[in-house]
N, C-alpha and C. Protein backbone atom coordinates (compact mmCIF):
# COMPACT_ATOMS: atom_id res chain seq x y z
N ARG A 1 13.47 -16.57 -5.83
CA ARG A 1 14.33 -16.15 -6.92
C ARG A 1 13.61 -15.08 -7.73
N VAL A 2 14.32 -14.06 -8.06
CA VAL A 2 13.76 -12.95 -8.83
C VAL A 2 13.76 -13.34 -10.30
N PRO A 3 12.60 -13.25 -10.99
CA PRO A 3 12.53 -13.72 -12.38
C PRO A 3 13.32 -12.86 -13.36
N PHE A 4 13.53 -11.58 -13.05
CA PHE A 4 14.29 -10.69 -13.94
C PHE A 4 15.52 -10.20 -13.21
N ALA A 5 16.58 -10.00 -13.96
CA ALA A 5 17.75 -9.39 -13.35
C ALA A 5 17.41 -7.95 -12.98
N LEU A 6 17.91 -7.50 -11.87
CA LEU A 6 17.60 -6.16 -11.39
C LEU A 6 18.06 -5.10 -12.39
N VAL A 7 19.14 -5.35 -13.06
CA VAL A 7 19.63 -4.40 -14.06
C VAL A 7 18.64 -4.30 -15.21
N GLY A 8 18.08 -5.42 -15.62
CA GLY A 8 17.09 -5.42 -16.71
C GLY A 8 15.84 -4.65 -16.33
N VAL A 9 15.39 -4.81 -15.10
CA VAL A 9 14.21 -4.08 -14.64
C VAL A 9 14.51 -2.58 -14.61
N ALA A 10 15.69 -2.21 -14.14
CA ALA A 10 16.08 -0.79 -14.09
C ALA A 10 16.18 -0.22 -15.50
N LEU A 11 16.66 -1.00 -16.45
CA LEU A 11 16.77 -0.52 -17.83
C LEU A 11 15.39 -0.29 -18.47
N ILE A 12 14.38 -0.99 -17.99
CA ILE A 12 13.02 -0.78 -18.49
C ILE A 12 12.37 0.40 -17.76
N HIS A 13 12.51 0.44 -16.44
CA HIS A 13 11.83 1.45 -15.64
C HIS A 13 12.41 2.85 -15.84
N PHE A 14 13.70 2.98 -15.89
CA PHE A 14 14.32 4.31 -15.94
C PHE A 14 13.86 5.12 -17.16
N PRO A 15 13.91 4.58 -18.37
CA PRO A 15 13.45 5.39 -19.51
C PRO A 15 11.96 5.74 -19.43
N LEU A 16 11.13 4.82 -18.95
CA LEU A 16 9.70 5.11 -18.85
C LEU A 16 9.42 6.20 -17.82
N LEU A 17 10.07 6.13 -16.66
CA LEU A 17 9.88 7.16 -15.64
C LEU A 17 10.45 8.49 -16.10
N ALA A 18 11.59 8.45 -16.78
CA ALA A 18 12.19 9.68 -17.29
C ALA A 18 11.26 10.34 -18.31
N LEU A 19 10.66 9.54 -19.18
CA LEU A 19 9.72 10.07 -20.17
C LEU A 19 8.51 10.71 -19.48
N ALA A 20 7.97 10.05 -18.48
CA ALA A 20 6.83 10.61 -17.75
C ALA A 20 7.19 11.93 -17.08
N GLU A 21 8.38 12.01 -16.49
CA GLU A 21 8.80 13.25 -15.85
C GLU A 21 9.05 14.35 -16.88
N LEU A 22 9.58 14.00 -18.03
CA LEU A 22 9.79 15.00 -19.08
C LEU A 22 8.45 15.55 -19.58
N PHE A 23 7.44 14.70 -19.68
CA PHE A 23 6.10 15.18 -20.01
C PHE A 23 5.58 16.12 -18.92
N ARG A 24 5.81 15.73 -17.66
CA ARG A 24 5.27 16.49 -16.54
C ARG A 24 5.86 17.89 -16.46
N VAL A 25 7.17 18.02 -16.64
CA VAL A 25 7.80 19.33 -16.50
C VAL A 25 7.75 20.15 -17.79
N GLY A 26 7.24 19.57 -18.87
CA GLY A 26 7.04 20.33 -20.09
C GLY A 26 8.21 20.31 -21.06
N LYS A 27 9.18 19.47 -20.84
CA LYS A 27 10.31 19.37 -21.78
C LYS A 27 9.88 18.68 -23.07
N ILE A 28 8.90 17.80 -22.98
CA ILE A 28 8.35 17.11 -24.15
C ILE A 28 6.85 17.37 -24.16
N THR A 29 6.30 17.69 -25.31
CA THR A 29 4.86 17.90 -25.42
C THR A 29 4.21 16.60 -25.84
N PRO A 30 3.31 16.08 -25.01
CA PRO A 30 2.66 14.83 -25.37
C PRO A 30 1.69 15.02 -26.53
N PRO A 31 1.47 14.00 -27.33
CA PRO A 31 0.52 14.12 -28.43
C PRO A 31 -0.91 14.14 -27.90
N GLY A 32 -1.77 14.76 -28.63
CA GLY A 32 -3.19 14.77 -28.26
C GLY A 32 -3.60 16.02 -27.51
N LYS A 33 -4.77 16.53 -27.85
CA LYS A 33 -5.28 17.76 -27.24
C LYS A 33 -5.59 17.55 -25.75
N GLN A 34 -6.09 16.38 -25.37
CA GLN A 34 -6.49 16.15 -23.99
C GLN A 34 -5.31 16.20 -23.03
N PHE A 35 -4.10 15.88 -23.49
CA PHE A 35 -2.93 15.93 -22.62
C PHE A 35 -2.41 17.35 -22.46
N ARG A 36 -2.56 18.17 -23.48
CA ARG A 36 -2.05 19.55 -23.42
C ARG A 36 -2.85 20.41 -22.46
N GLU A 37 -4.11 20.07 -22.25
CA GLU A 37 -4.97 20.86 -21.37
C GLU A 37 -4.88 20.43 -19.91
N MET A 38 -4.14 19.38 -19.59
CA MET A 38 -4.06 18.87 -18.23
C MET A 38 -3.09 19.70 -17.39
N ASP A 39 -3.36 19.73 -16.09
CA ASP A 39 -2.42 20.33 -15.14
C ASP A 39 -1.25 19.35 -15.02
N ARG A 40 -0.06 19.80 -15.33
CA ARG A 40 1.10 18.90 -15.39
C ARG A 40 1.57 18.43 -14.01
N MET A 41 1.28 19.18 -12.97
CA MET A 41 1.79 18.82 -11.65
C MET A 41 0.91 17.81 -10.92
N TYR A 42 -0.35 17.72 -11.31
CA TYR A 42 -1.27 16.80 -10.64
C TYR A 42 -2.12 16.10 -11.68
N PRO A 43 -2.58 14.89 -11.38
CA PRO A 43 -3.44 14.19 -12.33
C PRO A 43 -4.76 14.94 -12.49
N GLY A 44 -5.41 14.70 -13.57
CA GLY A 44 -6.70 15.37 -13.75
C GLY A 44 -7.23 15.15 -15.14
N GLY A 45 -8.20 15.93 -15.47
CA GLY A 45 -8.81 15.80 -16.78
C GLY A 45 -9.71 14.58 -16.86
N ALA A 46 -9.99 14.16 -18.06
CA ALA A 46 -10.90 13.03 -18.28
C ALA A 46 -10.32 11.71 -17.79
N PHE A 47 -9.00 11.64 -17.63
CA PHE A 47 -8.38 10.37 -17.25
C PHE A 47 -8.29 10.18 -15.75
N PHE A 48 -8.50 11.21 -14.95
CA PHE A 48 -8.40 11.05 -13.50
C PHE A 48 -9.62 10.34 -12.93
N ASP A 49 -10.80 10.72 -13.37
CA ASP A 49 -12.04 10.12 -12.87
C ASP A 49 -13.00 9.87 -14.02
N PRO A 50 -12.72 8.87 -14.85
CA PRO A 50 -13.52 8.67 -16.06
C PRO A 50 -14.98 8.30 -15.78
N LEU A 51 -15.26 7.70 -14.62
CA LEU A 51 -16.64 7.30 -14.32
C LEU A 51 -17.40 8.36 -13.54
N GLY A 52 -16.73 9.43 -13.12
CA GLY A 52 -17.41 10.54 -12.45
C GLY A 52 -17.80 10.29 -11.02
N TYR A 53 -17.10 9.42 -10.31
CA TYR A 53 -17.44 9.12 -8.92
C TYR A 53 -17.11 10.27 -7.97
N SER A 54 -16.14 11.10 -8.30
CA SER A 54 -15.68 12.12 -7.36
C SER A 54 -16.28 13.49 -7.62
N VAL A 55 -17.27 13.59 -8.46
CA VAL A 55 -17.81 14.89 -8.84
C VAL A 55 -18.87 15.33 -7.83
N GLN A 56 -18.45 15.61 -6.59
CA GLN A 56 -19.37 16.22 -5.63
C GLN A 56 -19.14 17.73 -5.63
N THR A 57 -17.92 18.14 -5.32
CA THR A 57 -17.56 19.55 -5.41
C THR A 57 -16.18 19.65 -6.03
N GLU A 58 -15.86 20.83 -6.49
CA GLU A 58 -14.53 21.06 -7.08
C GLU A 58 -13.45 20.91 -6.01
N GLU A 59 -13.77 21.30 -4.78
CA GLU A 59 -12.79 21.19 -3.69
C GLU A 59 -12.46 19.72 -3.40
N ASP A 60 -13.48 18.85 -3.41
CA ASP A 60 -13.25 17.42 -3.20
C ASP A 60 -12.36 16.84 -4.29
N LEU A 61 -12.57 17.27 -5.53
CA LEU A 61 -11.76 16.78 -6.64
C LEU A 61 -10.31 17.21 -6.46
N GLU A 62 -10.07 18.43 -6.01
CA GLU A 62 -8.69 18.90 -5.79
C GLU A 62 -8.03 18.10 -4.67
N ILE A 63 -8.77 17.78 -3.63
CA ILE A 63 -8.22 16.96 -2.53
C ILE A 63 -7.89 15.58 -3.05
N LEU A 64 -8.76 15.00 -3.87
CA LEU A 64 -8.50 13.66 -4.41
C LEU A 64 -7.27 13.66 -5.32
N LYS A 65 -7.03 14.74 -6.04
CA LYS A 65 -5.84 14.82 -6.88
C LYS A 65 -4.57 14.79 -6.04
N VAL A 66 -4.57 15.53 -4.95
CA VAL A 66 -3.39 15.56 -4.07
C VAL A 66 -3.19 14.20 -3.42
N VAL A 67 -4.27 13.58 -2.98
CA VAL A 67 -4.18 12.26 -2.35
C VAL A 67 -3.65 11.23 -3.36
N GLU A 68 -4.07 11.34 -4.61
CA GLU A 68 -3.60 10.42 -5.65
C GLU A 68 -2.08 10.53 -5.82
N VAL A 69 -1.56 11.75 -5.82
CA VAL A 69 -0.12 11.94 -5.94
C VAL A 69 0.60 11.36 -4.73
N GLN A 70 0.04 11.56 -3.54
CA GLN A 70 0.66 11.03 -2.33
C GLN A 70 0.68 9.51 -2.34
N HIS A 71 -0.39 8.89 -2.78
CA HIS A 71 -0.43 7.43 -2.86
C HIS A 71 0.57 6.91 -3.89
N GLY A 72 0.70 7.63 -5.00
CA GLY A 72 1.69 7.23 -6.01
C GLY A 72 3.10 7.29 -5.47
N ARG A 73 3.40 8.34 -4.69
CA ARG A 73 4.74 8.44 -4.10
C ARG A 73 4.99 7.33 -3.09
N LEU A 74 3.98 6.99 -2.30
CA LEU A 74 4.12 5.90 -1.35
C LEU A 74 4.35 4.57 -2.08
N ALA A 75 3.67 4.37 -3.19
CA ALA A 75 3.86 3.15 -3.98
C ALA A 75 5.27 3.08 -4.56
N MET A 76 5.82 4.23 -4.95
CA MET A 76 7.20 4.25 -5.47
C MET A 76 8.20 3.88 -4.38
N VAL A 77 7.97 4.34 -3.16
CA VAL A 77 8.85 4.00 -2.04
C VAL A 77 8.75 2.50 -1.77
N ALA A 78 7.55 1.95 -1.77
CA ALA A 78 7.38 0.52 -1.54
C ALA A 78 8.07 -0.29 -2.62
N ASN A 79 7.98 0.14 -3.87
CA ASN A 79 8.64 -0.55 -4.97
C ASN A 79 10.16 -0.51 -4.79
N PHE A 80 10.69 0.62 -4.34
CA PHE A 80 12.12 0.74 -4.09
C PHE A 80 12.56 -0.23 -2.99
N VAL A 81 11.73 -0.38 -1.96
CA VAL A 81 12.04 -1.32 -0.87
C VAL A 81 12.07 -2.75 -1.40
N PHE A 82 11.19 -3.09 -2.34
CA PHE A 82 11.22 -4.43 -2.94
C PHE A 82 12.56 -4.68 -3.63
N TYR A 83 13.08 -3.69 -4.33
CA TYR A 83 14.38 -3.85 -4.99
C TYR A 83 15.50 -4.04 -3.97
N ILE A 84 15.47 -3.25 -2.91
CA ILE A 84 16.50 -3.37 -1.87
C ILE A 84 16.44 -4.74 -1.20
N GLU A 85 15.24 -5.22 -0.91
CA GLU A 85 15.09 -6.55 -0.33
C GLU A 85 15.61 -7.62 -1.27
N ALA A 86 15.31 -7.49 -2.55
CA ALA A 86 15.78 -8.48 -3.52
C ALA A 86 17.29 -8.50 -3.58
N LEU A 87 17.92 -7.33 -3.52
CA LEU A 87 19.38 -7.28 -3.53
C LEU A 87 19.96 -7.84 -2.23
N ALA A 88 19.35 -7.51 -1.10
CA ALA A 88 19.90 -7.91 0.19
C ALA A 88 19.71 -9.40 0.47
N TYR A 89 18.52 -9.93 0.19
CA TYR A 89 18.19 -11.30 0.57
C TYR A 89 18.17 -12.28 -0.60
N GLN A 90 18.27 -11.79 -1.82
CA GLN A 90 18.21 -12.63 -3.01
C GLN A 90 16.90 -13.42 -3.08
N LYS A 91 15.82 -12.80 -2.59
CA LYS A 91 14.48 -13.38 -2.64
C LYS A 91 13.50 -12.30 -3.02
N GLY A 92 12.37 -12.70 -3.55
CA GLY A 92 11.33 -11.75 -3.91
C GLY A 92 10.48 -11.37 -2.72
N PRO A 93 9.63 -10.35 -2.86
CA PRO A 93 8.83 -9.88 -1.73
C PRO A 93 7.81 -10.90 -1.23
N VAL A 94 7.25 -11.69 -2.11
CA VAL A 94 6.26 -12.68 -1.68
C VAL A 94 6.93 -13.78 -0.87
N GLU A 95 8.09 -14.22 -1.32
CA GLU A 95 8.82 -15.26 -0.58
C GLU A 95 9.25 -14.74 0.79
N LEU A 96 9.68 -13.50 0.87
CA LEU A 96 10.04 -12.91 2.16
C LEU A 96 8.83 -12.79 3.07
N LEU A 97 7.67 -12.46 2.50
CA LEU A 97 6.45 -12.38 3.31
C LEU A 97 6.10 -13.74 3.88
N PHE A 98 6.18 -14.79 3.06
CA PHE A 98 5.88 -16.13 3.56
C PHE A 98 6.87 -16.59 4.62
N ASN A 99 8.12 -16.22 4.49
CA ASN A 99 9.11 -16.55 5.52
C ASN A 99 8.78 -15.82 6.81
N TYR A 100 8.35 -14.57 6.73
CA TYR A 100 8.00 -13.80 7.91
C TYR A 100 6.75 -14.37 8.59
N VAL A 101 5.72 -14.70 7.79
CA VAL A 101 4.49 -15.24 8.36
C VAL A 101 4.77 -16.57 9.00
N HIS A 102 5.66 -17.35 8.46
CA HIS A 102 6.01 -18.66 9.02
C HIS A 102 6.67 -18.50 10.39
N LEU A 103 7.37 -17.40 10.63
CA LEU A 103 8.04 -17.16 11.90
C LEU A 103 7.07 -16.76 13.00
N ILE A 104 5.90 -16.26 12.64
CA ILE A 104 4.95 -15.78 13.66
C ILE A 104 4.28 -16.93 14.34
């Protein structure tokens, strides 16, 4: 059983994602100097690698930024599949996983 109604989850997610996209495309200016200096299309700045693990070369950092965006997009697709499964089967992803493992 899904603990939240799907409509309620969508009502929470949609405004937050819309706000993030408005920041990204420049329709809204985020507060703080550190956000204004960031590249809007890719993650970066002090918040991308706060511990400095990726500071080998500038080229490596650019590759990691692109990979980060790709992983985020893959996670969004996986999240969308969870919603579709919940609508189709009226069960959550963990319960569906246990049903699948039980069949093996």
